[in-house]
Amino acid sequence: MKKLTKREEILLLILALIIIILGGVMFLINPLKNDIEALELEMDDLRNTEMEMQIAVPNIKKTRENHQDVKNEVIDSLDKISDPIQPETYDLQIRHYATETNLKINKLGFQDGLLADIKNKNIKEKEASQLQENIDRINGQPVNTKKENESPESESDNKQELWIYTLTVEVSGNSNDMVDFISKIQESMPRIYLQSVSLDTQRNSGILNFSVYSLDKIKTE
C-alpha cells in the first residue's frame, strides 16, 4: 500500500474535521428546527385564540347590553303594573277594540278619580255586587260572606279603597260601530261601565263616558 504523502494526510484531516463539524451542526440544527416548528404551531394557536377573542369580546359586550336592555324592560314593566296603575293598560285595549270596530279614536283620557263607597247610591246594584266580590277575593275572604263576630269597624279597616274614574273616549264612526265598540269594552273589561253617550250624527262622531272602578290609583296626567 502506497504511503500517503504529508499533503494527502493534511487534506484527509481537513475533510474529517469538516465532516465532524457538519455532523455537529446537524445535531444542533435538528432540535432547533423542531423547536422552531413547535413555536410556529404555538404562534398559529395564539393567532387563532386572538381571532376568537376579537369575535367573543364584542359578543360578550353585546350580550351585556342585551341583558341590560332586558333588565330595563323588566323594570319598566314592573313600574307599569305597580301602584298607581298606568292608563296605557286601558289605552291599548280600547284602541284595539276601536280598530276592530272600524272606529277612529280622536281623544282618550281619564279624569281625576274619587274614593267611592261600595254602598254608594250612584253605583248600580249589579256593579256594586261584582265590585264587592272582587274586593272580597283580594282581601282573602270567601265571596259574599263575612267573618263571624266581626264588627263593622274592623271590616272597614281591612277593606281596600275603591276608586272611581271617568274615562272619556271621543271617536269618529257610525253609530252601529259605536254600539259594537261599547259592547266589546263592557264584555272584555269588567271594571268599566258605560256612563253616558253623546252622538253627533252630522259629523259621525261621539263622546263616550265610562265609569272605571279600580282598587288602585290610576295616573290621570
Protein backbone atom coordinates (compact mmCIF):
# COMPACT_ATOMS: atom_id res chain seq x y z
CA MET A 1 0.00 0.00 0.00
CA LYS A 2 1.30 3.35 -1.04
CA LYS A 3 2.15 5.60 1.82
CA LEU A 4 0.17 8.84 1.97
CA THR A 5 2.11 11.95 1.47
CA LYS A 6 2.16 14.69 4.00
CA ARG A 7 -0.11 16.77 1.80
CA GLU A 8 -2.70 13.99 1.47
CA GLU A 9 -2.70 13.40 5.24
CA ILE A 10 -3.45 17.06 5.80
CA LEU A 11 -6.29 17.01 3.26
CA LEU A 12 -7.81 13.91 4.87
CA LEU A 13 -7.57 15.53 8.29
CA ILE A 14 -9.29 18.66 6.99
CA LEU A 15 -12.02 16.54 5.37
CA ALA A 16 -12.57 14.61 8.60
CA LEU A 17 -12.81 17.85 10.55
CA ILE A 18 -15.33 19.21 8.03
CA ILE A 19 -17.43 16.02 8.39
CA ILE A 20 -17.28 16.24 12.17
CA ILE A 21 -18.23 19.91 12.13
CA LEU A 22 -21.13 19.29 9.74
CA GLY A 23 -22.34 16.40 11.87
CA GLY A 24 -22.22 18.60 14.97
CA VAL A 25 -24.06 21.38 13.21
CA MET A 26 -26.77 18.99 12.00
CA PHE A 27 -27.02 17.56 15.50
CA LEU A 28 -27.61 21.06 16.84
CA ILE A 29 -29.88 22.23 13.99
CA ASN A 30 -32.39 19.36 14.16
CA PRO A 31 -33.56 20.13 17.73
CA LEU A 32 -33.65 23.84 16.89
CA LYS A 33 -35.71 23.08 13.80
CA ASN A 34 -38.19 21.10 15.91
CA ASP A 35 -38.32 23.92 18.42
CA ILE A 36 -38.94 26.43 15.62
CA GLU A 37 -41.76 24.28 14.22
CA ALA A 38 -43.29 23.99 17.71
CA LEU A 39 -43.04 27.76 18.14
CA GLU A 40 -44.71 28.30 14.77
CA LEU A 41 -47.56 25.99 15.79
CA GLU A 42 -47.88 27.84 19.08
CA MET A 43 -47.93 31.16 17.21
CA ASP A 44 -50.72 29.82 14.99
CA ASP A 45 -52.68 28.78 18.08
CA LEU A 46 -52.17 32.22 19.60
CA ARG A 47 -53.34 33.88 16.37
CA ASN A 48 -56.45 31.69 16.35
CA THR A 49 -57.08 32.49 20.02
CA GLU A 50 -56.66 36.20 19.29
CA MET A 51 -59.17 35.98 16.44
CA GLU A 52 -61.64 34.12 18.67
CA MET A 53 -61.22 36.76 21.37
CA GLN A 54 -61.79 39.54 18.83
CA ILE A 55 -65.08 37.87 17.94
CA ALA A 56 -66.01 36.91 21.51
CA VAL A 57 -65.38 40.28 23.18
CA PRO A 58 -67.92 42.23 21.06
CA ASN A 59 -70.40 39.36 21.52
CA ILE A 60 -69.92 39.50 25.29
CA LYS A 61 -70.37 43.27 25.20
CA LYS A 62 -73.50 42.88 23.08
CA THR A 63 -74.81 40.20 25.45
CA ARG A 64 -74.28 42.53 28.40
CA GLU A 65 -76.08 45.31 26.53
CA ASN A 66 -78.96 42.94 25.73
CA HIS A 67 -79.04 41.82 29.36
CA GLN A 68 -79.25 45.45 30.47
CA ASP A 69 -81.99 46.11 27.91
CA VAL A 70 -83.98 43.14 29.19
CA LYS A 71 -83.39 44.29 32.77
CA ASN A 72 -84.62 47.78 31.88
CA GLU A 73 -87.69 46.32 30.15
CA VAL A 74 -88.48 44.26 33.24
CA ILE A 75 -88.08 47.30 35.49
CA ASP A 76 -90.31 49.34 33.17
CA SER A 77 -92.89 46.56 33.16
CA LEU A 78 -92.84 46.36 36.95
CA ASP A 79 -93.24 50.12 37.13
CA LYS A 80 -96.23 49.97 34.80
CA ILE A 81 -98.05 47.33 36.83
CA SER A 82 -97.28 48.93 40.19
CA ASP A 83 -99.45 51.44 42.02
CA PRO A 84 -100.58 53.79 40.57
CA ILE A 85 -101.91 51.94 37.51
CA GLN A 86 -100.72 53.25 34.16
CA PRO A 87 -103.54 54.42 31.85
CA GLU A 88 -101.73 52.73 28.94
CA THR A 89 -103.25 49.45 30.14
CA TYR A 90 -106.69 50.74 29.21
CA ASP A 91 -105.45 52.80 26.29
CA LEU A 92 -104.06 49.80 24.37
CA GLN A 93 -107.16 47.65 24.87
CA ILE A 94 -109.60 50.39 23.94
CA ARG A 95 -107.63 51.36 20.83
CA HIS A 96 -107.55 47.69 19.84
CA TYR A 97 -111.34 47.43 20.10
CA ALA A 98 -111.71 50.68 18.15
CA THR A 99 -109.62 49.22 15.31
CA GLU A 100 -111.72 46.04 15.36
CA THR A 101 -114.94 48.04 15.02
CA ASN A 102 -113.64 50.50 12.37
CA LEU A 103 -113.68 53.49 14.71
CA LYS A 104 -111.12 56.25 14.96
CA ILE A 105 -110.20 57.49 18.44
CA ASN A 106 -109.72 61.25 18.49
CA LYS A 107 -109.15 61.60 22.22
CA LEU A 108 -108.88 59.30 25.21
CA GLY A 109 -108.24 60.31 28.81
CA PHE A 110 -109.05 59.88 32.48
CA GLN A 111 -110.47 62.47 34.81
CA ASP A 112 -109.25 62.66 38.40
CA GLY A 113 -110.57 59.78 40.48
CA LEU A 114 -112.60 59.89 43.68
CA LEU A 115 -112.84 57.44 46.54
CA ALA A 116 -116.14 55.60 46.25
CA ASP A 117 -118.25 53.77 48.81
CA ILE A 118 -119.33 50.31 47.70
CA LYS A 119 -122.81 51.15 49.00
CA ASN A 120 -122.88 54.46 47.16
CA LYS A 121 -126.35 55.01 45.73
CA ASN A 122 -124.78 56.18 42.46
CA ILE A 123 -123.32 52.72 41.83
CA LYS A 124 -125.75 50.27 40.29
CA GLU A 125 -126.67 47.21 42.35
CA LYS A 126 -125.18 44.78 39.81
CA GLU A 127 -121.96 46.78 39.61
CA ALA A 128 -121.73 47.00 43.40
CA SER A 129 -122.17 43.23 43.74
CA GLN A 130 -119.40 42.48 41.24
CA LEU A 131 -117.09 45.03 42.83
CA GLN A 132 -117.74 43.64 46.30
CA GLU A 133 -116.86 40.12 45.09
CA ASN A 134 -113.57 41.38 43.63
CA ILE A 135 -112.69 43.20 46.83
CA ASP A 136 -113.51 40.11 48.92
CA ARG A 137 -111.20 38.00 46.77
CA ILE A 138 -108.35 40.48 47.13
CA ASN A 139 -108.89 40.60 50.90
CA GLY A 140 -108.81 36.79 51.03
CA GLN A 141 -112.41 36.49 52.21
CA PRO A 142 -114.95 33.99 50.84
CA VAL A 143 -117.13 35.70 48.29
CA ASN A 144 -120.41 37.16 49.67
CA THR A 145 -119.63 36.02 53.23
CA LYS A 146 -118.48 37.81 56.39
CA LYS A 147 -116.44 36.63 59.30
CA GLU A 148 -118.43 35.80 62.43
CA ASN A 149 -118.31 38.30 65.30
CA GLU A 150 -116.62 40.83 63.03
CA SER A 151 -117.51 44.41 63.86
CA PRO A 152 -118.29 46.92 61.09
CA GLU A 153 -115.25 48.92 62.18
CA SER A 154 -112.81 46.01 61.74
CA GLU A 155 -114.44 45.11 58.44
CA SER A 156 -113.94 48.62 57.05
CA ASP A 157 -110.36 48.72 58.33
CA ASN A 158 -109.48 45.59 56.34
CA LYS A 159 -111.15 46.72 53.11
CA GLN A 160 -109.22 48.06 50.15
CA GLU A 161 -110.03 51.56 48.98
CA LEU A 162 -112.21 51.72 45.89
CA TRP A 163 -111.53 54.43 43.31
CA ILE A 164 -113.95 55.54 40.62
CA TYR A 165 -112.75 57.35 37.48
CA THR A 166 -114.43 58.79 34.44
CA LEU A 167 -112.85 57.65 31.20
CA THR A 168 -113.76 59.85 28.22
CA VAL A 169 -113.33 58.47 24.71
CA GLU A 170 -114.00 60.66 21.67
CA VAL A 171 -114.48 58.60 18.50
CA SER A 172 -115.34 59.02 14.83
CA GLY A 173 -117.51 56.46 13.02
CA ASN A 174 -121.08 55.35 12.53
CA SER A 175 -123.43 54.62 15.42
CA ASN A 176 -123.62 50.86 14.72
CA ASP A 177 -119.86 50.55 15.06
CA MET A 178 -120.03 52.54 18.28
CA VAL A 179 -122.54 50.06 19.69
CA ASP A 180 -120.20 47.17 18.82
CA PHE A 181 -117.30 49.11 20.35
CA ILE A 182 -119.16 49.67 23.63
CA SER A 183 -120.23 46.01 23.77
CA LYS A 184 -116.67 44.76 23.30
CA ILE A 185 -115.37 47.04 26.08
CA GLN A 186 -118.04 46.06 28.60
CA GLU A 187 -117.78 42.34 27.79
CA SER A 188 -113.97 42.18 27.97
CA MET A 189 -113.22 44.84 30.59
CA PRO A 190 -115.48 44.07 33.59
CA ARG A 191 -114.38 47.09 35.64
CA ILE A 192 -115.66 49.54 33.01
CA TYR A 193 -119.32 50.58 32.76
CA LEU A 194 -120.91 52.93 30.26
CA GLN A 195 -121.89 56.21 31.90
CA SER A 196 -123.17 58.37 29.05
CA VAL A 197 -123.11 58.74 25.25
CA SER A 198 -123.22 61.94 23.23
CA LEU A 199 -123.62 61.49 19.45
CA ASP A 200 -123.08 63.96 16.63
CA THR A 201 -124.75 62.27 13.64
CA GLN A 202 -123.80 65.03 11.22
CA ARG A 203 -120.09 64.56 11.91
CA ASN A 204 -120.33 60.81 12.56
CA SER A 205 -118.66 61.25 15.92
CA GLY A 206 -119.43 60.64 19.55
CA ILE A 207 -118.23 61.18 23.10
CA LEU A 208 -118.41 58.11 25.32
CA ASN A 209 -118.02 58.43 29.08
CA PHE A 210 -117.24 55.29 31.09
CA SER A 211 -117.06 54.70 34.82
CA VAL A 212 -113.86 52.82 35.69
CA TYR A 213 -113.62 51.15 39.09
CA SER A 214 -110.17 50.37 40.46
CA LEU A 215 -108.66 49.25 43.75
CA ASP A 216 -105.55 51.28 42.89
CA LYS A 217 -104.97 54.82 41.80
CA ILE A 218 -104.73 55.49 38.07
CA LYS A 219 -102.42 58.16 36.71
CA THR A 220 -104.60 60.79 35.04
CA GLU A 221 -101.86 63.13 33.84
